[in-house]
Amino acid sequence: MTTETMSKAKSLTLVGIAYVVAIAVGAAWLVWGTHTGRLWLDTLVADVLATLVIFAYSRVYGNSSFYDAFWSVIPPVLLFYWWSQSGVQQLRCWLIAVVVVLWAIRLTANWLYAFPGLHHEDWRYPMFRERAGRWEFVVDLVTIHLIPTLLVFAGMLPVYVAVTRPGGDIGWLTDIAFVVGLAAVILELVADVQMHRFVRDRRDGEAMDRGLWSWSRHPNYFGEFSFWVSLALFGVAVAPSDAWWVCLGALGMLGMFLGGSIPMMETRSLQRRPDYQDVVDRVSRFVPRPPRRA
């Protein structure tokens, strides 16, 4: 059966099998592979190996959207593996687990709701491959698969610090990190629900400017960045002297959103929706604030 005729249920089953195989390959490396003596580096190798499995499925079935949910599935796996290996028992570990699990459930559920099946592929992936020409294999591997994996891993390094280092933390900063993380997940959830309702009822060419989307043209990206900021704060609370590198993952996320994802979305919306320029003129690009008057 080709992906062009595959139902959503069968597509999800295939993607699920791919993820099980990928995680099993990563786990096999952690159990039987050549260890480096550094837990974070062993885990990074396992993460890359799992990504290569997903890449193989993407190539076999001609659809790089196999990778889409990998973004939200792997962080909880990393968290609980690191925590299980460290033996650290601190309240902060439970607070981090709550934030990461809720974020993963929301993001994965949103993907499940919107995913039509493997006959569909994220519109950005074919664009990347077409622009790459004869280098499309490299772009598919590096840009679509490996770079996001490395970026997510960098964003999770503060969690590694927080759940593997024994001892106390800066209590008030951990509290702030927890509140920021919960607020980020709630903001993304509300933005998702509002967008799904809009898409269900919208007229052709109509641009979204309601609810949270009247305060920010990309509230989902702002919420996503805020989640990674919360993880960075958890790490800084445990290791203040390491703040200079603990925050690099969150900064990388910000660079990707402002320099890549948002400009591509903006260009596409301006091409497809005549009313979107009016939204650009009135609504903040990223950080939510009251809209300007027309």
Protein backbone atom coordinates (compact mmCIF):
# COMPACT_ATOMS: atom_id res chain seq x y z
CA MET A 1 0.00 0.00 0.00
CA THR A 2 1.39 3.42 -0.97
CA THR A 3 1.20 6.47 1.24
CA GLU A 4 -1.17 8.07 -1.29
CA THR A 5 -3.91 5.58 -0.38
CA MET A 6 -3.07 4.93 3.29
CA SER A 7 -5.74 5.77 5.88
CA LYS A 8 -5.04 7.83 8.97
CA ALA A 9 -5.29 4.78 11.23
CA LYS A 10 -2.81 2.76 9.17
CA SER A 11 -0.52 5.78 8.88
CA LEU A 12 -0.49 6.25 12.65
CA THR A 13 0.24 2.56 13.12
CA LEU A 14 3.19 2.78 10.76
CA VAL A 15 4.52 5.92 12.43
CA GLY A 16 4.08 4.28 15.83
CA ILE A 17 6.04 1.22 14.70
CA ALA A 18 8.80 3.49 13.39
CA TYR A 19 9.04 5.23 16.77
CA VAL A 20 9.11 1.94 18.68
CA VAL A 21 11.92 0.68 16.43
CA ALA A 22 13.80 3.98 16.76
CA ILE A 23 13.60 4.03 20.55
CA ALA A 24 14.56 0.34 20.68
CA VAL A 25 17.68 1.05 18.59
CA GLY A 26 18.62 3.92 20.90
CA ALA A 27 18.02 1.75 23.97
CA ALA A 28 20.12 -1.05 22.50
CA TRP A 29 23.02 1.35 22.12
CA LEU A 30 22.67 2.46 25.74
CA VAL A 31 22.68 -1.16 26.93
CA TRP A 32 25.20 -2.81 24.61
CA GLY A 33 26.99 0.01 22.82
CA THR A 34 30.43 1.44 23.48
CA HIS A 35 29.97 3.82 26.38
CA THR A 36 31.79 7.13 26.52
CA GLY A 37 31.72 7.45 30.29
CA ARG A 38 29.44 10.49 30.01
CA LEU A 39 25.72 9.90 30.40
CA TRP A 40 24.71 12.91 28.32
CA LEU A 41 27.00 11.91 25.44
CA ASP A 42 25.83 8.27 25.46
CA THR A 43 22.26 9.55 25.30
CA LEU A 44 23.07 11.94 22.46
CA VAL A 45 24.49 9.06 20.41
CA ALA A 46 21.35 7.01 21.13
CA ASP A 47 19.16 9.99 20.14
CA VAL A 48 21.00 10.40 16.83
CA LEU A 49 20.74 6.66 16.10
CA ALA A 50 16.99 6.80 16.75
CA THR A 51 16.74 9.79 14.41
CA LEU A 52 18.54 7.85 11.68
CA VAL A 53 15.89 5.13 12.00
CA ILE A 54 13.15 7.73 11.49
CA PHE A 55 15.10 9.13 8.54
CA ALA A 56 15.24 5.66 7.00
CA TYR A 57 11.45 5.33 7.29
CA SER A 58 11.06 8.81 5.79
CA ARG A 59 13.13 7.83 2.76
CA VAL A 60 11.49 4.44 2.25
CA TYR A 61 7.98 5.91 2.32
CA GLY A 62 8.91 9.23 0.68
CA ASN A 63 7.50 11.33 3.51
CA SER A 64 9.63 13.28 6.00
CA SER A 65 6.60 13.93 8.19
CA PHE A 66 7.54 10.66 9.89
CA TYR A 67 9.73 12.97 11.96
CA ASP A 68 7.01 15.44 13.04
CA ALA A 69 5.97 13.91 16.37
CA PHE A 70 9.53 12.88 17.22
CA TRP A 71 9.96 16.44 18.49
CA SER A 72 7.48 15.84 21.34
CA VAL A 73 7.97 12.11 21.96
CA ILE A 74 11.70 12.06 22.75
CA PRO A 75 12.00 14.72 25.52
CA PRO A 76 10.03 12.69 28.13
CA VAL A 77 12.08 9.60 27.20
CA LEU A 78 15.31 11.55 27.79
CA LEU A 79 14.03 12.99 31.05
CA PHE A 80 13.00 9.70 32.62
CA TYR A 81 16.11 7.87 31.43
CA TRP A 82 18.42 10.51 32.91
CA TRP A 83 16.44 10.59 36.13
CA SER A 84 16.47 6.78 36.46
CA GLN A 85 20.24 6.70 36.01
CA SER A 86 21.03 9.49 38.48
CA GLY A 87 19.01 8.43 41.49
CA VAL A 88 18.44 12.10 42.41
CA GLN A 89 15.27 12.56 44.45
CA GLN A 90 14.38 16.22 44.65
CA LEU A 91 11.05 18.02 44.36
CA ARG A 92 12.38 19.85 41.30
CA CYS A 93 12.57 16.55 39.39
CA TRP A 94 8.85 16.00 39.87
CA LEU A 95 8.05 19.58 38.88
CA ILE A 96 10.12 19.22 35.70
CA ALA A 97 8.42 15.91 34.93
CA VAL A 98 4.97 17.53 35.23
CA VAL A 99 5.90 20.34 32.84
CA VAL A 100 7.60 18.10 30.26
CA VAL A 101 4.88 15.43 30.29
CA LEU A 102 2.05 17.96 29.96
CA TRP A 103 3.91 19.70 27.14
CA ALA A 104 4.52 16.39 25.35
CA ILE A 105 0.89 15.29 25.71
CA ARG A 106 -0.42 18.59 24.37
CA LEU A 107 1.96 18.79 21.41
CA THR A 108 1.56 15.13 20.45
CA ALA A 109 -2.23 15.33 20.81
CA ASN A 110 -2.30 18.41 18.58
CA TRP A 111 -0.27 16.53 15.97
CA LEU A 112 -2.59 13.51 16.21
CA TYR A 113 -5.66 15.71 15.76
CA ALA A 114 -4.29 17.55 12.73
CA PHE A 115 -2.44 14.65 11.08
CA PRO A 116 -4.50 13.47 8.08
CA GLY A 117 -2.28 10.50 7.20
CA LEU A 118 0.89 9.74 5.30
CA HIS A 119 -0.64 10.97 2.06
CA HIS A 120 0.13 14.38 3.55
CA GLU A 121 3.58 15.88 4.16
CA ASP A 122 4.49 19.14 5.89
CA TRP A 123 4.64 21.72 3.08
CA ARG A 124 8.09 22.91 4.12
CA TYR A 125 9.84 19.59 3.50
CA PRO A 126 9.28 19.33 -0.27
CA MET A 127 10.28 22.99 -0.54
CA PHE A 128 13.59 22.29 1.24
CA ARG A 129 14.31 19.27 -0.97
CA GLU A 130 13.41 21.04 -4.21
CA ARG A 131 15.65 23.98 -3.40
CA ALA A 132 18.52 21.62 -2.56
CA GLY A 133 18.52 20.00 -5.99
CA ARG A 134 21.05 17.18 -6.15
CA TRP A 135 21.80 17.72 -2.43
CA GLU A 136 18.26 16.89 -1.40
CA PHE A 137 19.34 13.71 0.42
CA VAL A 138 21.75 15.72 2.59
CA VAL A 139 19.18 18.44 3.25
CA ASP A 140 16.57 15.85 4.17
CA LEU A 141 18.97 14.17 6.61
CA VAL A 142 20.58 17.25 8.13
CA THR A 143 18.01 20.06 7.93
CA ILE A 144 14.78 18.10 8.45
CA HIS A 145 16.00 15.37 10.80
CA LEU A 146 19.37 15.89 12.50
CA ILE A 147 19.30 19.62 13.22
CA PRO A 148 15.91 19.49 15.00
CA THR A 149 17.12 16.49 17.02
CA LEU A 150 20.26 18.34 18.10
CA LEU A 151 18.26 21.47 18.87
CA VAL A 152 15.79 19.58 21.06
CA PHE A 153 18.66 17.78 22.79
CA ALA A 154 20.32 21.14 23.51
CA GLY A 155 17.02 22.42 24.88
CA MET A 156 16.85 19.39 27.19
CA LEU A 157 20.36 19.80 28.63
CA PRO A 158 19.08 22.02 31.48
CA VAL A 159 16.83 19.10 32.42
CA TYR A 160 19.87 16.83 32.41
CA VAL A 161 21.59 19.20 34.83
CA ALA A 162 18.53 19.43 37.07
CA VAL A 163 17.81 15.70 37.36
CA THR A 164 21.37 14.38 37.57
CA ARG A 165 23.06 16.79 39.98
CA PRO A 166 22.38 16.08 43.65
CA GLY A 167 21.87 18.86 46.14
CA GLY A 168 19.59 21.82 46.41
CA ASP A 169 18.51 24.51 44.02
CA ILE A 170 17.40 28.11 44.09
CA GLY A 171 13.87 27.48 45.32
CA TRP A 172 12.24 30.67 44.09
CA LEU A 173 13.75 30.29 40.61
CA THR A 174 12.54 26.69 40.40
CA ASP A 175 9.06 27.93 41.34
CA ILE A 176 9.21 30.55 38.58
CA ALA A 177 10.37 27.91 36.08
CA PHE A 178 7.43 25.69 37.00
CA VAL A 179 4.90 28.52 36.65
CA VAL A 180 6.39 29.63 33.31
CA GLY A 181 6.29 26.03 32.04
CA LEU A 182 2.65 25.51 32.99
CA ALA A 183 1.67 28.90 31.56
CA ALA A 184 3.45 28.05 28.29
CA VAL A 185 1.59 24.75 27.94
CA ILE A 186 -1.77 26.41 28.70
CA LEU A 187 -1.08 29.21 26.22
CA GLU A 188 -0.23 26.72 23.48
CA LEU A 189 -3.31 24.63 24.26
CA VAL A 190 -5.65 27.63 24.06
CA ALA A 191 -3.97 28.78 20.82
CA ASP A 192 -4.38 25.30 19.33
CA VAL A 193 -8.07 25.08 20.21
CA GLN A 194 -8.75 28.56 18.85
CA MET A 195 -6.96 27.78 15.59
CA HIS A 196 -8.74 24.45 15.10
CA ARG A 197 -12.12 26.14 15.57
CA PHE A 198 -11.14 28.89 13.14
CA VAL A 199 -9.96 26.43 10.49
CA ARG A 200 -13.21 24.48 10.84
CA ASP A 201 -15.41 27.54 10.20
CA ARG A 202 -13.28 29.95 8.17
CA ARG A 203 -14.09 31.36 4.77
CA ASP A 204 -11.66 31.00 1.86
CA GLY A 205 -8.72 33.35 2.22
CA GLU A 206 -9.70 34.51 5.71
CA ALA A 207 -6.81 35.23 8.10
CA MET A 208 -6.87 34.32 11.80
CA ASP A 209 -6.99 37.34 14.15
CA ARG A 210 -9.15 36.18 17.04
CA GLY A 211 -8.49 35.35 20.67
CA LEU A 212 -4.80 34.94 21.42
CA TRP A 213 -4.15 35.33 17.71
CA SER A 214 -5.30 38.97 17.95
CA TRP A 215 -2.41 39.63 20.36
CA SER A 216 0.28 37.65 18.54
CA ARG A 217 0.44 36.33 14.99
CA HIS A 218 2.25 33.26 16.36
CA PRO A 219 1.16 32.63 19.97
CA ASN A 220 1.92 28.93 19.56
CA TYR A 221 5.58 29.71 18.81
CA PHE A 222 5.73 32.15 21.71
CA GLY A 223 4.33 29.46 24.01
CA GLU A 224 6.81 26.91 22.63
CA PHE A 225 9.73 29.25 23.26
CA SER A 226 8.42 29.94 26.77
CA PHE A 227 8.43 26.20 27.48
CA TRP A 228 12.12 25.93 26.58
CA VAL A 229 12.82 29.03 28.68
CA SER A 230 11.20 27.28 31.66
CA LEU A 231 13.53 24.30 31.19
CA ALA A 232 16.51 26.66 31.05
CA LEU A 233 15.37 28.25 34.31
CA PHE A 234 15.16 24.83 35.97
CA GLY A 235 18.78 24.24 34.97
CA VAL A 236 20.00 27.67 36.06
CA ALA A 237 18.33 27.18 39.45
CA VAL A 238 20.53 24.11 40.03
CA ALA A 239 23.74 25.38 38.41
CA PRO A 240 23.78 29.22 38.28
CA SER A 241 27.43 29.28 37.22
CA ASP A 242 26.54 27.25 34.11
CA ALA A 243 23.82 29.64 32.96
CA TRP A 244 25.92 30.72 29.96
CA TRP A 245 25.53 27.31 28.28
CA VAL A 246 22.38 26.03 29.98
CA CYS A 247 20.40 28.71 28.14
CA LEU A 248 21.87 28.00 24.69
CA GLY A 249 19.12 25.53 23.77
CA ALA A 250 16.36 28.06 24.45
CA LEU A 251 18.26 30.69 22.45
CA GLY A 252 18.61 28.21 19.61
CA MET A 253 14.86 27.68 19.65
CA LEU A 254 14.30 31.43 19.52
CA GLY A 255 16.64 31.72 16.55
CA MET A 256 14.83 28.94 14.71
CA PHE A 257 11.40 30.50 15.32
CA LEU A 258 12.35 34.09 14.48
CA GLY A 259 14.81 33.29 11.71
CA GLY A 260 13.19 30.27 10.07
CA SER A 261 9.73 29.06 11.01
CA ILE A 262 7.95 32.40 11.37
CA PRO A 263 9.33 34.03 8.19
CA MET A 264 8.30 30.97 6.16
CA MET A 265 4.81 30.98 7.68
CA GLU A 266 4.46 34.73 7.11
CA THR A 267 5.48 34.49 3.45
CA ARG A 268 3.08 31.64 2.82
CA SER A 269 0.18 33.40 4.55
CA LEU A 270 0.74 36.61 2.59
CA GLN A 271 0.67 34.60 -0.65
CA ARG A 272 -2.47 32.60 0.23
CA ARG A 273 -4.58 35.05 2.27
CA PRO A 274 -5.25 38.59 0.95
CA ASP A 275 -6.37 39.78 4.41
CA TYR A 276 -3.16 38.73 6.13
CA GLN A 277 -1.38 42.03 5.44
CA ASP A 278 -4.01 43.75 7.58
CA VAL A 279 -3.21 41.29 10.38
CA VAL A 280 0.51 42.05 9.98
CA ASP A 281 -0.21 45.77 10.29
CA ARG A 282 -2.20 45.37 13.52
CA VAL A 283 -0.96 42.30 15.40
CA SER A 284 2.38 41.71 17.11
CA ARG A 285 4.63 39.26 15.30
CA PHE A 286 5.73 37.19 18.30
CA VAL A 287 5.40 38.60 21.83
CA PRO A 288 1.69 39.00 22.73
CA ARG A 289 0.45 42.56 23.22
CA PRO A 290 -2.79 44.45 22.56
CA PRO A 291 -3.37 44.89 18.81
CA ARG A 292 -2.81 48.21 17.13
CA ARG A 293 -5.78 50.00 15.66
CA ALA A 294 -6.29 49.58 11.93
